[in-house]
């Protein structure tokens, strides 16, 4: 149904909230809504776009067109604690159900 992305600055203050779209990276979505997430290589290699996932880790998926070379932190259960915004997006299945989903990201930089 709906996926809401909330973005916090590095101090933990919520700076923006927007509705996600399928088939777009988190970086693209943020840029479309005027939220700056730093990006350099656009491939997930450099880690500049790294964000911490505070809520909603099961919602994210690596872009199907590019493999990230950056190792991301996970918790004890194997859930992601970080995401590379330039190459990761929302799993399509979460746009097809009747539930509102929330993804909360904290910018590292």
N, C-alpha and C. Protein backbone atom coordinates (compact mmCIF):
# COMPACT_ATOMS: atom_id res chain seq x y z
N UNK A 1 0.83 -1.18 0.00
CA UNK A 1 0.00 0.00 0.00
C UNK A 1 0.87 1.24 0.00
N UNK A 2 1.45 1.55 1.14
CA UNK A 2 2.24 2.76 1.26
C UNK A 2 3.51 2.47 2.04
N UNK A 3 4.59 3.07 1.61
CA UNK A 3 5.84 3.03 2.36
C UNK A 3 6.25 4.47 2.61
N UNK A 4 6.38 4.82 3.88
CA UNK A 4 6.81 6.15 4.28
C UNK A 4 8.28 6.07 4.69
N UNK A 5 9.09 6.95 4.14
CA UNK A 5 10.51 7.03 4.51
C UNK A 5 10.69 8.29 5.34
N UNK A 6 11.27 8.11 6.52
CA UNK A 6 11.59 9.24 7.39
C UNK A 6 13.11 9.32 7.46
N UNK A 7 13.63 10.54 7.35
CA UNK A 7 15.08 10.74 7.34
C UNK A 7 15.46 11.63 8.50
N UNK A 8 16.47 11.19 9.25
CA UNK A 8 17.01 11.98 10.36
C UNK A 8 18.40 12.47 9.98
N UNK A 9 18.78 13.63 10.52
CA UNK A 9 20.14 14.10 10.32
C UNK A 9 21.07 13.32 11.25
N UNK A 10 22.37 13.60 11.18
CA UNK A 10 23.34 12.84 11.97
C UNK A 10 23.17 13.04 13.47
N UNK A 11 22.44 14.10 13.88
CA UNK A 11 22.18 14.34 15.30
C UNK A 11 20.91 13.64 15.77
N UNK A 12 20.17 13.01 14.84
CA UNK A 12 18.96 12.29 15.21
C UNK A 12 17.68 13.08 15.10
N UNK A 13 17.73 14.27 14.50
CA UNK A 13 16.53 15.09 14.31
C UNK A 13 15.86 14.71 13.00
N UNK A 14 14.54 14.46 13.03
CA UNK A 14 13.84 14.15 11.79
C UNK A 14 13.81 15.39 10.91
N UNK A 15 14.32 15.24 9.68
CA UNK A 15 14.39 16.39 8.78
C UNK A 15 13.41 16.28 7.62
N UNK A 16 12.89 15.09 7.36
CA UNK A 16 11.96 14.95 6.26
C UNK A 16 11.24 13.62 6.35
N UNK A 17 10.06 13.59 5.78
CA UNK A 17 9.27 12.37 5.66
C UNK A 17 8.58 12.42 4.31
N UNK A 18 8.59 11.31 3.57
CA UNK A 18 7.97 11.28 2.25
C UNK A 18 7.52 9.87 1.91
N UNK A 19 6.61 9.79 0.96
CA UNK A 19 6.11 8.51 0.50
C UNK A 19 7.07 7.96 -0.56
N UNK A 20 7.43 6.69 -0.42
CA UNK A 20 8.36 6.05 -1.36
C UNK A 20 7.64 5.65 -2.64
N UNK A 21 8.43 5.42 -3.67
CA UNK A 21 7.94 4.90 -4.94
C UNK A 21 8.74 3.66 -5.28
N UNK A 22 8.09 2.73 -5.95
CA UNK A 22 8.74 1.50 -6.36
C UNK A 22 9.77 1.79 -7.45
N UNK A 23 10.79 0.96 -7.53
CA UNK A 23 11.81 1.01 -8.57
C UNK A 23 12.70 2.25 -8.53
N UNK A 24 12.83 2.88 -7.38
CA UNK A 24 13.73 4.03 -7.22
C UNK A 24 14.64 3.76 -6.02
N UNK A 25 15.87 4.23 -6.12
CA UNK A 25 16.79 4.09 -4.99
C UNK A 25 16.37 5.06 -3.88
N UNK A 26 16.81 4.78 -2.68
CA UNK A 26 16.52 5.69 -1.56
C UNK A 26 17.13 7.06 -1.81
N UNK A 27 18.30 7.10 -2.44
CA UNK A 27 18.92 8.38 -2.78
C UNK A 27 18.05 9.16 -3.77
N UNK A 28 17.55 8.48 -4.82
CA UNK A 28 16.68 9.13 -5.79
C UNK A 28 15.42 9.69 -5.12
N UNK A 29 14.81 8.89 -4.26
CA UNK A 29 13.60 9.32 -3.56
C UNK A 29 13.87 10.55 -2.71
N UNK A 30 14.97 10.52 -1.97
CA UNK A 30 15.32 11.66 -1.12
C UNK A 30 15.53 12.91 -1.98
N UNK A 31 16.27 12.78 -3.07
CA UNK A 31 16.54 13.93 -3.95
C UNK A 31 15.24 14.49 -4.54
N UNK A 32 14.31 13.61 -4.90
CA UNK A 32 13.02 14.05 -5.45
C UNK A 32 12.23 14.89 -4.45
N UNK A 33 12.51 14.67 -3.16
CA UNK A 33 11.77 15.38 -2.11
C UNK A 33 12.61 16.44 -1.42
N UNK A 34 13.72 16.82 -2.02
CA UNK A 34 14.55 17.89 -1.50
C UNK A 34 15.40 17.54 -0.30
N UNK A 35 15.61 16.25 -0.08
CA UNK A 35 16.43 15.80 1.04
C UNK A 35 17.81 15.44 0.52
N UNK A 36 18.84 16.07 1.06
CA UNK A 36 20.20 15.80 0.60
C UNK A 36 20.79 14.63 1.36
N UNK A 37 21.10 13.58 0.63
CA UNK A 37 21.92 12.48 1.14
C UNK A 37 23.14 12.49 0.24
N UNK A 38 24.30 12.66 0.84
CA UNK A 38 25.53 12.73 0.04
C UNK A 38 25.70 11.46 -0.78
N UNK A 39 26.26 11.63 -1.96
CA UNK A 39 26.52 10.52 -2.86
C UNK A 39 27.73 10.88 -3.71
N UNK A 40 28.56 9.93 -4.00
CA UNK A 40 29.74 10.21 -4.82
C UNK A 40 29.80 9.26 -6.01
N UNK A 41 29.95 7.98 -5.77
CA UNK A 41 30.19 7.05 -6.87
C UNK A 41 28.92 6.55 -7.53
N UNK A 42 27.82 6.50 -6.81
CA UNK A 42 26.56 6.01 -7.37
C UNK A 42 26.52 4.51 -7.58
N UNK A 43 27.49 3.79 -7.03
CA UNK A 43 27.56 2.34 -7.22
C UNK A 43 27.57 1.56 -5.91
N UNK A 44 27.58 2.23 -4.78
CA UNK A 44 27.67 1.55 -3.51
C UNK A 44 29.09 1.19 -3.11
N UNK A 45 30.06 1.65 -3.86
CA UNK A 45 31.46 1.30 -3.59
C UNK A 45 32.09 2.18 -2.52
N UNK A 46 31.83 3.48 -2.57
CA UNK A 46 32.56 4.41 -1.71
C UNK A 46 31.99 4.54 -0.30
N UNK A 47 30.68 4.31 -0.12
CA UNK A 47 30.07 4.39 1.20
C UNK A 47 29.66 5.78 1.64
N UNK A 48 29.79 6.78 0.78
CA UNK A 48 29.43 8.15 1.15
C UNK A 48 27.94 8.27 1.48
N UNK A 49 27.09 7.49 0.80
CA UNK A 49 25.64 7.58 0.99
C UNK A 49 25.14 6.68 2.12
N UNK A 50 26.04 6.15 2.92
CA UNK A 50 25.68 5.23 4.00
C UNK A 50 24.71 5.89 4.99
N UNK A 51 23.65 5.18 5.30
CA UNK A 51 22.68 5.62 6.31
C UNK A 51 22.44 4.47 7.28
N UNK A 52 22.20 4.80 8.53
CA UNK A 52 21.80 3.80 9.51
C UNK A 52 20.32 3.54 9.37
N UNK A 53 19.90 2.30 9.51
CA UNK A 53 18.48 1.95 9.51
C UNK A 53 18.04 1.87 10.96
N UNK A 54 17.14 2.75 11.35
CA UNK A 54 16.64 2.77 12.72
C UNK A 54 15.35 1.96 12.86
N UNK A 55 14.62 1.82 11.75
CA UNK A 55 13.36 1.07 11.76
C UNK A 55 13.05 0.65 10.33
N UNK A 56 12.54 -0.56 10.16
CA UNK A 56 12.08 -1.00 8.85
C UNK A 56 13.08 -1.72 7.98
N UNK A 57 14.10 -2.34 8.55
CA UNK A 57 15.14 -3.01 7.76
C UNK A 57 14.59 -4.03 6.76
N UNK A 58 13.55 -4.79 7.09
CA UNK A 58 13.05 -5.77 6.10
C UNK A 58 12.50 -5.14 4.82
N UNK A 59 12.25 -3.85 4.82
CA UNK A 59 11.70 -3.17 3.65
C UNK A 59 12.71 -2.96 2.54
N UNK A 60 13.99 -2.93 2.86
CA UNK A 60 15.00 -2.52 1.88
C UNK A 60 15.58 -3.70 1.11
N UNK A 61 15.97 -3.41 -0.13
CA UNK A 61 16.62 -4.41 -0.96
C UNK A 61 17.66 -3.75 -1.84
N UNK A 62 18.69 -4.51 -2.09
CA UNK A 62 19.76 -4.02 -2.96
C UNK A 62 19.23 -3.89 -4.38
N UNK A 63 19.67 -2.84 -5.05
CA UNK A 63 19.29 -2.62 -6.45
C UNK A 63 19.60 -3.87 -7.26
N UNK A 64 18.69 -4.26 -8.10
CA UNK A 64 18.85 -5.47 -8.90
C UNK A 64 19.88 -5.31 -10.01
N UNK A 65 20.27 -4.09 -10.32
CA UNK A 65 21.16 -3.88 -11.46
C UNK A 65 22.62 -3.72 -11.08
N UNK A 66 22.93 -3.64 -9.79
CA UNK A 66 24.31 -3.37 -9.40
C UNK A 66 24.62 -4.03 -8.07
N UNK A 67 25.78 -4.64 -7.95
CA UNK A 67 26.20 -5.22 -6.69
C UNK A 67 27.04 -4.23 -5.91
N UNK A 68 26.71 -4.06 -4.65
CA UNK A 68 27.48 -3.19 -3.77
C UNK A 68 28.75 -3.91 -3.34
N UNK A 69 29.81 -3.18 -3.22
CA UNK A 69 31.07 -3.75 -2.76
C UNK A 69 31.35 -3.42 -1.29
N UNK A 70 30.42 -2.74 -0.65
CA UNK A 70 30.59 -2.26 0.71
C UNK A 70 29.94 -3.23 1.69
N UNK A 71 30.64 -3.62 2.75
CA UNK A 71 30.07 -4.49 3.77
C UNK A 71 29.21 -3.67 4.72
N UNK A 72 27.96 -4.09 4.90
CA UNK A 72 27.03 -3.38 5.75
C UNK A 72 26.86 -4.11 7.08
N UNK A 73 26.68 -3.33 8.15
CA UNK A 73 26.50 -3.89 9.48
C UNK A 73 25.13 -4.56 9.59
N UNK A 74 25.08 -5.66 10.33
CA UNK A 74 23.83 -6.35 10.62
C UNK A 74 23.72 -6.57 12.12
N UNK A 75 22.50 -6.83 12.59
CA UNK A 75 22.32 -7.14 14.01
C UNK A 75 22.51 -8.64 14.23
N UNK A 76 22.24 -9.08 15.45
CA UNK A 76 22.45 -10.48 15.83
C UNK A 76 21.57 -11.44 15.02
N UNK A 77 20.43 -10.95 14.54
CA UNK A 77 19.50 -11.79 13.79
C UNK A 77 19.73 -11.71 12.28
N UNK A 78 20.74 -10.96 11.85
CA UNK A 78 21.06 -10.85 10.44
C UNK A 78 20.33 -9.74 9.71
N UNK A 79 19.56 -8.92 10.44
CA UNK A 79 18.87 -7.78 9.82
C UNK A 79 19.86 -6.65 9.58
N UNK A 80 19.71 -5.98 8.46
CA UNK A 80 20.59 -4.85 8.15
C UNK A 80 20.44 -3.73 9.17
N UNK A 81 21.55 -3.13 9.53
CA UNK A 81 21.55 -1.94 10.38
C UNK A 81 21.97 -0.71 9.58
N UNK A 82 22.40 -0.94 8.34
CA UNK A 82 22.87 0.15 7.48
C UNK A 82 22.41 -0.11 6.05
N UNK A 83 22.37 0.96 5.27
CA UNK A 83 21.98 0.86 3.87
C UNK A 83 22.80 1.87 3.07
N UNK A 84 23.10 1.51 1.84
CA UNK A 84 23.74 2.42 0.90
C UNK A 84 22.62 3.01 0.04
N UNK A 85 22.29 4.26 0.29
CA UNK A 85 21.11 4.89 -0.31
C UNK A 85 21.17 4.98 -1.84
N UNK A 86 22.37 5.01 -2.40
CA UNK A 86 22.48 5.18 -3.86
C UNK A 86 22.09 3.93 -4.63
N UNK A 87 22.16 2.75 -4.01
CA UNK A 87 21.88 1.51 -4.73
C UNK A 87 20.83 0.63 -4.06
N UNK A 88 20.25 1.10 -2.99
CA UNK A 88 19.21 0.30 -2.32
C UNK A 88 17.89 1.02 -2.41
N UNK A 89 16.82 0.24 -2.47
CA UNK A 89 15.47 0.78 -2.53
C UNK A 89 14.52 -0.05 -1.68
N UNK A 90 13.24 0.15 -1.90
CA UNK A 90 12.20 -0.57 -1.17
C UNK A 90 11.79 -1.80 -1.97
N UNK A 91 11.61 -2.94 -1.30
CA UNK A 91 11.16 -4.15 -1.96
C UNK A 91 9.76 -3.93 -2.53
N UNK A 92 9.56 -4.33 -3.76
CA UNK A 92 8.30 -4.13 -4.47
C UNK A 92 7.10 -4.72 -3.73
N UNK A 93 7.30 -5.83 -3.05
CA UNK A 93 6.19 -6.51 -2.36
C UNK A 93 5.50 -5.62 -1.32
N UNK A 94 6.21 -4.64 -0.79
CA UNK A 94 5.64 -3.78 0.25
C UNK A 94 4.72 -2.69 -0.32
N UNK A 95 4.68 -2.57 -1.64
CA UNK A 95 3.76 -1.63 -2.27
C UNK A 95 2.45 -2.33 -2.65
N UNK A 96 2.41 -3.66 -2.52
CA UNK A 96 1.26 -4.43 -2.98
C UNK A 96 0.32 -4.86 -1.85
N UNK A 97 0.68 -4.62 -0.60
CA UNK A 97 -0.19 -5.06 0.49
C UNK A 97 -1.03 -3.89 1.02
N UNK A 98 -1.82 -4.15 2.04
CA UNK A 98 -2.73 -3.13 2.59
C UNK A 98 -2.22 -2.50 3.87
N UNK A 99 -0.94 -2.52 4.08
CA UNK A 99 -0.35 -2.02 5.32
C UNK A 99 0.51 -0.80 5.03
N UNK A 100 0.50 0.16 5.95
CA UNK A 100 1.44 1.29 5.84
C UNK A 100 2.74 0.88 6.51
N UNK A 101 3.84 0.96 5.77
CA UNK A 101 5.16 0.58 6.28
C UNK A 101 5.99 1.83 6.51
N UNK A 102 6.86 1.77 7.50
CA UNK A 102 7.72 2.90 7.85
C UNK A 102 9.18 2.47 7.80
N UNK A 103 9.99 3.25 7.10
CA UNK A 103 11.44 3.07 7.09
C UNK A 103 12.04 4.35 7.65
N UNK A 104 12.85 4.21 8.70
CA UNK A 104 13.50 5.38 9.31
C UNK A 104 15.01 5.26 9.09
N UNK A 105 15.57 6.25 8.42
CA UNK A 105 17.00 6.30 8.13
C UNK A 105 17.65 7.46 8.86
N UNK A 106 18.87 7.26 9.29
CA UNK A 106 19.66 8.33 9.90
C UNK A 106 20.89 8.53 9.03
N UNK A 107 21.04 9.75 8.50
CA UNK A 107 22.18 10.06 7.65
C UNK A 107 23.48 9.98 8.47
N UNK A 108 24.48 9.34 7.90
CA UNK A 108 25.76 9.23 8.58
C UNK A 108 26.56 10.54 8.45
N UNK A 109 26.37 11.24 7.34
CA UNK A 109 27.13 12.47 7.09
C UNK A 109 26.19 13.63 6.86
